[in-house]
Amino acid sequence: MEYRIRPYYKSELAQAYAPDVYQKTALNRLASWIRTNKKLTEALRETDYRASQHMFTSRQVALIFEYLGEP
């Protein structure tokens, strides 16, 4: 499946990367991948990303796809 670059709820994108686990686990896993990828973390910070936000913007999704690949 090809994913479009568009705004995604965090839970929606996390489940796309980890469809075989519970939503909370998928969210934690995605957050961990973002935290441990320093280049991605810095790129997201430049878009005013906050860990507490509920949605990723289209620009943030594009960066996640760039650094982590598509789900």
PDB file of N, CA and C in Angstrom:
ATOM      1  N   MET A   1       0.847  -1.183   0.000  1.00  0.00           N
ATOM      2  CA  MET A   1       0.000   0.000   0.000  1.00  0.00           C
ATOM      3  C   MET A   1       0.888   1.239   0.000  1.00  0.00           C
ATOM      4  N   GLU A   2       0.540   2.197  -0.811  1.00  0.00           N
ATOM      5  CA  GLU A   2       1.297   3.431  -0.857  1.00  0.00           C
ATOM      6  C   GLU A   2       0.598   4.481   0.010  1.00  0.00           C
ATOM      7  N   TYR A   3       1.376   5.119   0.860  1.00  0.00           N
ATOM      8  CA  TYR A   3       0.820   6.135   1.747  1.00  0.00           C
ATOM      9  C   TYR A   3       1.056   7.515   1.160  1.00  0.00           C
ATOM     10  N   ARG A   4       0.010   8.337   1.185  1.00  0.00           N
ATOM     11  CA  ARG A   4       0.100   9.714   0.701  1.00  0.00           C
ATOM     12  C   ARG A   4       0.668  10.603   1.781  1.00  0.00           C
ATOM     13  N   ILE A   5       1.329  11.651   1.338  1.00  0.00           N
ATOM     14  CA  ILE A   5       1.776  12.669   2.281  1.00  0.00           C
ATOM     15  C   ILE A   5       0.592  13.591   2.521  1.00  0.00           C
ATOM     16  N   ARG A   6       0.088  13.542   3.731  1.00  0.00           N
ATOM     17  CA  ARG A   6      -1.069  14.336   4.163  1.00  0.00           C
ATOM     18  C   ARG A   6      -1.019  14.352   5.682  1.00  0.00           C
ATOM     19  N   PRO A   7      -1.812  15.181   6.336  1.00  0.00           N
ATOM     20  CA  PRO A   7      -1.849  15.123   7.800  1.00  0.00           C
ATOM     21  C   PRO A   7      -2.373  13.762   8.271  1.00  0.00           C
ATOM     22  N   TYR A   8      -1.776  13.242   9.320  1.00  0.00           N
ATOM     23  CA  TYR A   8      -2.210  11.978   9.928  1.00  0.00           C
ATOM     24  C   TYR A   8      -2.327  12.170  11.427  1.00  0.00           C
ATOM     25  N   TYR A   9      -3.348  11.562  12.021  1.00  0.00           N
ATOM     26  CA  TYR A   9      -3.348  11.451  13.473  1.00  0.00           C
ATOM     27  C   TYR A   9      -2.156  10.579  13.842  1.00  0.00           C
ATOM     28  N   LYS A  10      -1.540  10.887  14.962  1.00  0.00           N
ATOM     29  CA  LYS A  10      -0.380  10.099  15.388  1.00  0.00           C
ATOM     30  C   LYS A  10      -0.722   8.619  15.486  1.00  0.00           C
ATOM     31  N   SER A  11      -1.864   8.326  16.061  1.00  0.00           N
ATOM     32  CA  SER A  11      -2.246   6.927  16.236  1.00  0.00           C
ATOM     33  C   SER A  11      -2.437   6.238  14.887  1.00  0.00           C
ATOM     34  N   GLU A  12      -2.979   6.952  13.913  1.00  0.00           N
ATOM     35  CA  GLU A  12      -3.188   6.391  12.577  1.00  0.00           C
ATOM     36  C   GLU A  12      -1.854   6.041  11.921  1.00  0.00           C
ATOM     37  N   LEU A  13      -0.889   6.953  12.000  1.00  0.00           N
ATOM     38  CA  LEU A  13       0.406   6.697  11.385  1.00  0.00           C
ATOM     39  C   LEU A  13       1.167   5.615  12.150  1.00  0.00           C
ATOM     40  N   ALA A  14       1.087   5.651  13.467  1.00  0.00           N
ATOM     41  CA  ALA A  14       1.760   4.631  14.278  1.00  0.00           C
ATOM     42  C   ALA A  14       1.227   3.243  13.947  1.00  0.00           C
ATOM     43  N   GLN A  15      -0.077   3.113  13.794  1.00  0.00           N
ATOM     44  CA  GLN A  15      -0.673   1.815  13.462  1.00  0.00           C
ATOM     45  C   GLN A  15      -0.270   1.372  12.061  1.00  0.00           C
ATOM     46  N   ALA A  16      -0.034   2.316  11.160  1.00  0.00           N
ATOM     47  CA  ALA A  16       0.423   1.961   9.814  1.00  0.00           C
ATOM     48  C   ALA A  16       1.810   1.328   9.873  1.00  0.00           C
ATOM     49  N   TYR A  17       2.661   1.822  10.774  1.00  0.00           N
ATOM     50  CA  TYR A  17       4.005   1.259  10.929  1.00  0.00           C
ATOM     51  C   TYR A  17       3.998  -0.048  11.718  1.00  0.00           C
ATOM     52  N   ALA A  18       3.027  -0.221  12.579  1.00  0.00           N
ATOM     53  CA  ALA A  18       2.987  -1.419  13.434  1.00  0.00           C
ATOM     54  C   ALA A  18       1.548  -1.924  13.540  1.00  0.00           C
ATOM     55  N   PRO A  19       1.001  -2.471  12.465  1.00  0.00           N
ATOM     56  CA  PRO A  19      -0.402  -2.885  12.478  1.00  0.00           C
ATOM     57  C   PRO A  19      -0.679  -4.114  13.344  1.00  0.00           C
ATOM     58  N   ASP A  20       0.368  -4.801  13.756  1.00  0.00           N
ATOM     59  CA  ASP A  20       0.211  -6.052  14.499  1.00  0.00           C
ATOM     60  C   ASP A  20       0.208  -5.874  16.017  1.00  0.00           C
ATOM     61  N   VAL A  21       0.282  -4.618  16.490  1.00  0.00           N
ATOM     62  CA  VAL A  21       0.328  -4.386  17.940  1.00  0.00           C
ATOM     63  C   VAL A  21      -0.789  -3.428  18.354  1.00  0.00           C
ATOM     64  N   TYR A  22      -1.025  -3.354  19.646  1.00  0.00           N
ATOM     65  CA  TYR A  22      -2.030  -2.434  20.174  1.00  0.00           C
ATOM     66  C   TYR A  22      -1.636  -0.986  19.862  1.00  0.00           C
ATOM     67  N   GLN A  23      -2.647  -0.135  19.782  1.00  0.00           N
ATOM     68  CA  GLN A  23      -2.434   1.264  19.428  1.00  0.00           C
ATOM     69  C   GLN A  23      -1.405   1.943  20.333  1.00  0.00           C
ATOM     70  N   LYS A  24      -1.524   1.767  21.623  1.00  0.00           N
ATOM     71  CA  LYS A  24      -0.604   2.412  22.568  1.00  0.00           C
ATOM     72  C   LYS A  24       0.832   1.943  22.328  1.00  0.00           C
ATOM     73  N   THR A  25       0.999   0.659  22.067  1.00  0.00           N
ATOM     74  CA  THR A  25       2.327   0.114  21.794  1.00  0.00           C
ATOM     75  C   THR A  25       2.875   0.702  20.497  1.00  0.00           C
ATOM     76  N   ALA A  26       2.019   0.817  19.486  1.00  0.00           N
ATOM     77  CA  ALA A  26       2.440   1.397  18.215  1.00  0.00           C
ATOM     78  C   ALA A  26       2.865   2.858  18.393  1.00  0.00           C
ATOM     79  N   LEU A  27       2.103   3.610  19.177  1.00  0.00           N
ATOM     80  CA  LEU A  27       2.458   5.004  19.460  1.00  0.00           C
ATOM     81  C   LEU A  27       3.796   5.102  20.168  1.00  0.00           C
ATOM     82  N   ASN A  28       4.003   4.252  21.170  1.00  0.00           N
ATOM     83  CA  ASN A  28       5.267   4.255  21.899  1.00  0.00           C
ATOM     84  C   ASN A  28       6.437   3.884  20.994  1.00  0.00           C
ATOM     85  N   ARG A  29       6.213   2.923  20.111  1.00  0.00           N
ATOM     86  CA  ARG A  29       7.263   2.494  19.192  1.00  0.00           C
ATOM     87  C   ARG A  29       7.639   3.621  18.238  1.00  0.00           C
ATOM     88  N   LEU A  30       6.641   4.287  17.656  1.00  0.00           N
ATOM     89  CA  LEU A  30       6.926   5.389  16.740  1.00  0.00           C
ATOM     90  C   LEU A  30       7.643   6.527  17.468  1.00  0.00           C
ATOM     91  N   ALA A  31       7.200   6.843  18.663  1.00  0.00           N
ATOM     92  CA  ALA A  31       7.849   7.897  19.447  1.00  0.00           C
ATOM     93  C   ALA A  31       9.303   7.543  19.725  1.00  0.00           C
ATOM     94  N   SER A  32       9.559   6.288  20.014  1.00  0.00           N
ATOM     95  CA  SER A  32      10.923   5.829  20.261  1.00  0.00           C
ATOM     96  C   SER A  32      11.789   5.959  19.009  1.00  0.00           C
ATOM     97  N   TRP A  33      11.227   5.570  17.870  1.00  0.00           N
ATOM     98  CA  TRP A  33      11.978   5.687  16.610  1.00  0.00           C
ATOM     99  C   TRP A  33      12.313   7.142  16.316  1.00  0.00           C
ATOM    100  N   ILE A  34      11.374   8.032  16.588  1.00  0.00           N
ATOM    101  CA  ILE A  34      11.620   9.464  16.358  1.00  0.00           C
ATOM    102  C   ILE A  34      12.702   9.964  17.311  1.00  0.00           C
ATOM    103  N   ARG A  35      12.589   9.610  18.584  1.00  0.00           N
ATOM    104  CA  ARG A  35      13.553  10.062  19.591  1.00  0.00           C
ATOM    105  C   ARG A  35      14.968   9.591  19.293  1.00  0.00           C
ATOM    106  N   THR A  36      15.105   8.359  18.848  1.00  0.00           N
ATOM    107  CA  THR A  36      16.442   7.795  18.644  1.00  0.00           C
ATOM    108  C   THR A  36      17.054   8.185  17.298  1.00  0.00           C
ATOM    109  N   ASN A  37      16.255   8.740  16.399  1.00  0.00           N
ATOM    110  CA  ASN A  37      16.777   9.207  15.120  1.00  0.00           C
ATOM    111  C   ASN A  37      17.031  10.713  15.255  1.00  0.00           C
ATOM    112  N   LYS A  38      18.258  11.053  15.601  1.00  0.00           N
ATOM    113  CA  LYS A  38      18.581  12.453  15.920  1.00  0.00           C
ATOM    114  C   LYS A  38      18.344  13.399  14.748  1.00  0.00           C
ATOM    115  N   LYS A  39      18.639  12.956  13.529  1.00  0.00           N
ATOM    116  CA  LYS A  39      18.414  13.819  12.369  1.00  0.00           C
ATOM    117  C   LYS A  39      16.924  14.077  12.162  1.00  0.00           C
ATOM    118  N   LEU A  40      16.116  13.041  12.341  1.00  0.00           N
ATOM    119  CA  LEU A  40      14.663  13.205  12.228  1.00  0.00           C
ATOM    120  C   LEU A  40      14.140  14.108  13.334  1.00  0.00           C
ATOM    121  N   THR A  41      14.610  13.893  14.548  1.00  0.00           N
ATOM    122  CA  THR A  41      14.191  14.723  15.677  1.00  0.00           C
ATOM    123  C   THR A  41      14.476  16.196  15.402  1.00  0.00           C
ATOM    124  N   GLU A  42      15.667  16.488  14.896  1.00  0.00           N
ATOM    125  CA  GLU A  42      16.033  17.875  14.605  1.00  0.00           C
ATOM    126  C   GLU A  42      15.188  18.442  13.471  1.00  0.00           C
ATOM    127  N   ALA A  43      14.965  17.663  12.425  1.00  0.00           N
ATOM    128  CA  ALA A  43      14.146  18.124  11.303  1.00  0.00           C
ATOM    129  C   ALA A  43      12.714  18.413  11.760  1.00  0.00           C
ATOM    130  N   LEU A  44      12.167  17.538  12.607  1.00  0.00           N
ATOM    131  CA  LEU A  44      10.814  17.764  13.129  1.00  0.00           C
ATOM    132  C   LEU A  44      10.772  19.003  14.024  1.00  0.00           C
ATOM    133  N   ARG A  45      11.810  19.191  14.808  1.00  0.00           N
ATOM    134  CA  ARG A  45      11.866  20.364  15.691  1.00  0.00           C
ATOM    135  C   ARG A  45      11.782  21.657  14.869  1.00  0.00           C
ATOM    136  N   GLU A  46      12.373  21.657  13.686  1.00  0.00           N
ATOM    137  CA  GLU A  46      12.344  22.836  12.821  1.00  0.00           C
ATOM    138  C   GLU A  46      10.944  23.121  12.275  1.00  0.00           C
ATOM    139  N   THR A  47      10.034  22.148  12.371  1.00  0.00           N
ATOM    140  CA  THR A  47       8.640  22.355  11.945  1.00  0.00           C
ATOM    141  C   THR A  47       7.745  22.701  13.131  1.00  0.00           C
ATOM    142  N   ASP A  48       8.353  22.979  14.279  1.00  0.00           N
ATOM    143  CA  ASP A  48       7.627  23.273  15.520  1.00  0.00           C
ATOM    144  C   ASP A  48       6.897  22.049  16.066  1.00  0.00           C
ATOM    145  N   TYR A  49       7.409  20.855  15.745  1.00  0.00           N
ATOM    146  CA  TYR A  49       6.830  19.616  16.274  1.00  0.00           C
ATOM    147  C   TYR A  49       6.924  19.596  17.801  1.00  0.00           C
ATOM    148  N   ARG A  50       5.849  19.134  18.420  1.00  0.00           N
ATOM    149  CA  ARG A  50       5.807  18.925  19.866  1.00  0.00           C
ATOM    150  C   ARG A  50       5.316  17.502  20.106  1.00  0.00           C
ATOM    151  N   ALA A  51       5.931  16.814  21.011  1.00  0.00           N
ATOM    152  CA  ALA A  51       5.547  15.433  21.303  1.00  0.00           C
ATOM    153  C   ALA A  51       4.093  15.343  21.752  1.00  0.00           C
ATOM    154  N   SER A  52       3.559  16.422  22.300  1.00  0.00           N
ATOM    155  CA  SER A  52       2.185  16.404  22.818  1.00  0.00           C
ATOM    156  C   SER A  52       1.118  16.622  21.743  1.00  0.00           C
ATOM    157  N   GLN A  53       1.511  16.979  20.527  1.00  0.00           N
ATOM    158  CA  GLN A  53       0.492  17.219  19.496  1.00  0.00           C
ATOM    159  C   GLN A  53      -0.152  15.904  19.085  1.00  0.00           C
ATOM    160  N   HIS A  54      -1.390  15.974  18.627  1.00  0.00           N
ATOM    161  CA  HIS A  54      -2.164  14.775  18.293  1.00  0.00           C
ATOM    162  C   HIS A  54      -2.088  14.397  16.820  1.00  0.00           C
ATOM    163  N   MET A  55      -1.677  15.354  16.001  1.00  0.00           N
ATOM    164  CA  MET A  55      -1.579  15.103  14.552  1.00  0.00           C
ATOM    165  C   MET A  55      -0.206  15.514  14.049  1.00  0.00           C
ATOM    166  N   PHE A  56       0.239  14.788  13.013  1.00  0.00           N
ATOM    167  CA  PHE A  56       1.417  15.203  12.274  1.00  0.00           C
ATOM    168  C   PHE A  56       0.939  16.026  11.080  1.00  0.00           C
ATOM    169  N   THR A  57       1.630  17.125  10.794  1.00  0.00           N
ATOM    170  CA  THR A  57       1.314  17.913   9.605  1.00  0.00           C
ATOM    171  C   THR A  57       1.846  17.179   8.369  1.00  0.00           C
ATOM    172  N   SER A  58       1.438  17.634   7.212  1.00  0.00           N
ATOM    173  CA  SER A  58       1.933  17.037   5.970  1.00  0.00           C
ATOM    174  C   SER A  58       3.458  17.115   5.889  1.00  0.00           C
ATOM    175  N   ARG A  59       4.017  18.226   6.285  1.00  0.00           N
ATOM    176  CA  ARG A  59       5.488  18.398   6.265  1.00  0.00           C
ATOM    177  C   ARG A  59       6.151  17.417   7.223  1.00  0.00           C
ATOM    178  N   GLN A  60       5.581  17.243   8.395  1.00  0.00           N
ATOM    179  CA  GLN A  60       6.139  16.302   9.361  1.00  0.00           C
ATOM    180  C   GLN A  60       6.053  14.869   8.850  1.00  0.00           C
ATOM    181  N   VAL A  61       4.950  14.529   8.195  1.00  0.00           N
ATOM    182  CA  VAL A  61       4.790  13.195   7.612  1.00  0.00           C
ATOM    183  C   VAL A  61       5.843  12.975   6.529  1.00  0.00           C
ATOM    184  N   ALA A  62       6.061  13.984   5.693  1.00  0.00           N
ATOM    185  CA  ALA A  62       7.079  13.872   4.641  1.00  0.00           C
ATOM    186  C   ALA A  62       8.453  13.592   5.251  1.00  0.00           C
ATOM    187  N   LEU A  63       8.768  14.255   6.350  1.00  0.00           N
ATOM    188  CA  LEU A  63      10.047  14.025   7.022  1.00  0.00           C
ATOM    189  C   LEU A  63      10.124  12.623   7.614  1.00  0.00           C
ATOM    190  N   ILE A  64       9.043  12.182   8.227  1.00  0.00           N
ATOM    191  CA  ILE A  64       9.021  10.828   8.804  1.00  0.00           C
ATOM    192  C   ILE A  64       9.227   9.795   7.701  1.00  0.00           C
ATOM    193  N   PHE A  65       8.545   9.961   6.578  1.00  0.00           N
ATOM    194  CA  PHE A  65       8.719   9.039   5.447  1.00  0.00           C
ATOM    195  C   PHE A  65      10.154   9.087   4.926  1.00  0.00           C
ATOM    196  N   GLU A  66      10.734  10.285   4.895  1.00  0.00           N
ATOM    197  CA  GLU A  66      12.098  10.433   4.404  1.00  0.00           C
ATOM    198  C   GLU A  66      13.099   9.696   5.293  1.00  0.00           C
ATOM    199  N   TYR A  67      12.947   9.832   6.596  1.00  0.00           N
ATOM    200  CA  TYR A  67      13.924   9.256   7.531  1.00  0.00           C
ATOM    201  C   TYR A  67      13.614   7.809   7.935  1.00  0.00           C
ATOM    202  N   LEU A  68      12.340   7.441   7.975  1.00  0.00           N
ATOM    203  CA  LEU A  68      11.982   6.089   8.403  1.00  0.00           C
ATOM    204  C   LEU A  68      11.498   5.206   7.247  1.00  0.00           C
ATOM    205  N   GLY A  69      11.236   5.815   6.116  1.00  0.00           N
ATOM    206  CA  GLY A  69      10.629   5.087   5.008  1.00  0.00           C
ATOM    207  C   GLY A  69       9.119   5.052   5.199  1.00  0.00           C
ATOM    208  N   GLU A  70       8.416   4.686   4.131  1.00  0.00           N
ATOM    209  CA  GLU A  70       6.960   4.580   4.256  1.00  0.00           C
ATOM    210  C   GLU A  70       6.607   3.346   5.057  1.00  0.00           C
ATOM    211  N   PRO A  71       5.444   3.392   5.716  1.00  0.00           N
ATOM    212  CA  PRO A  71       5.024   2.199   6.481  1.00  0.00           C
ATOM    213  C   PRO A  71       4.847   0.988   5.582  1.00  0.00           C
TER     214      PRO A  71
END
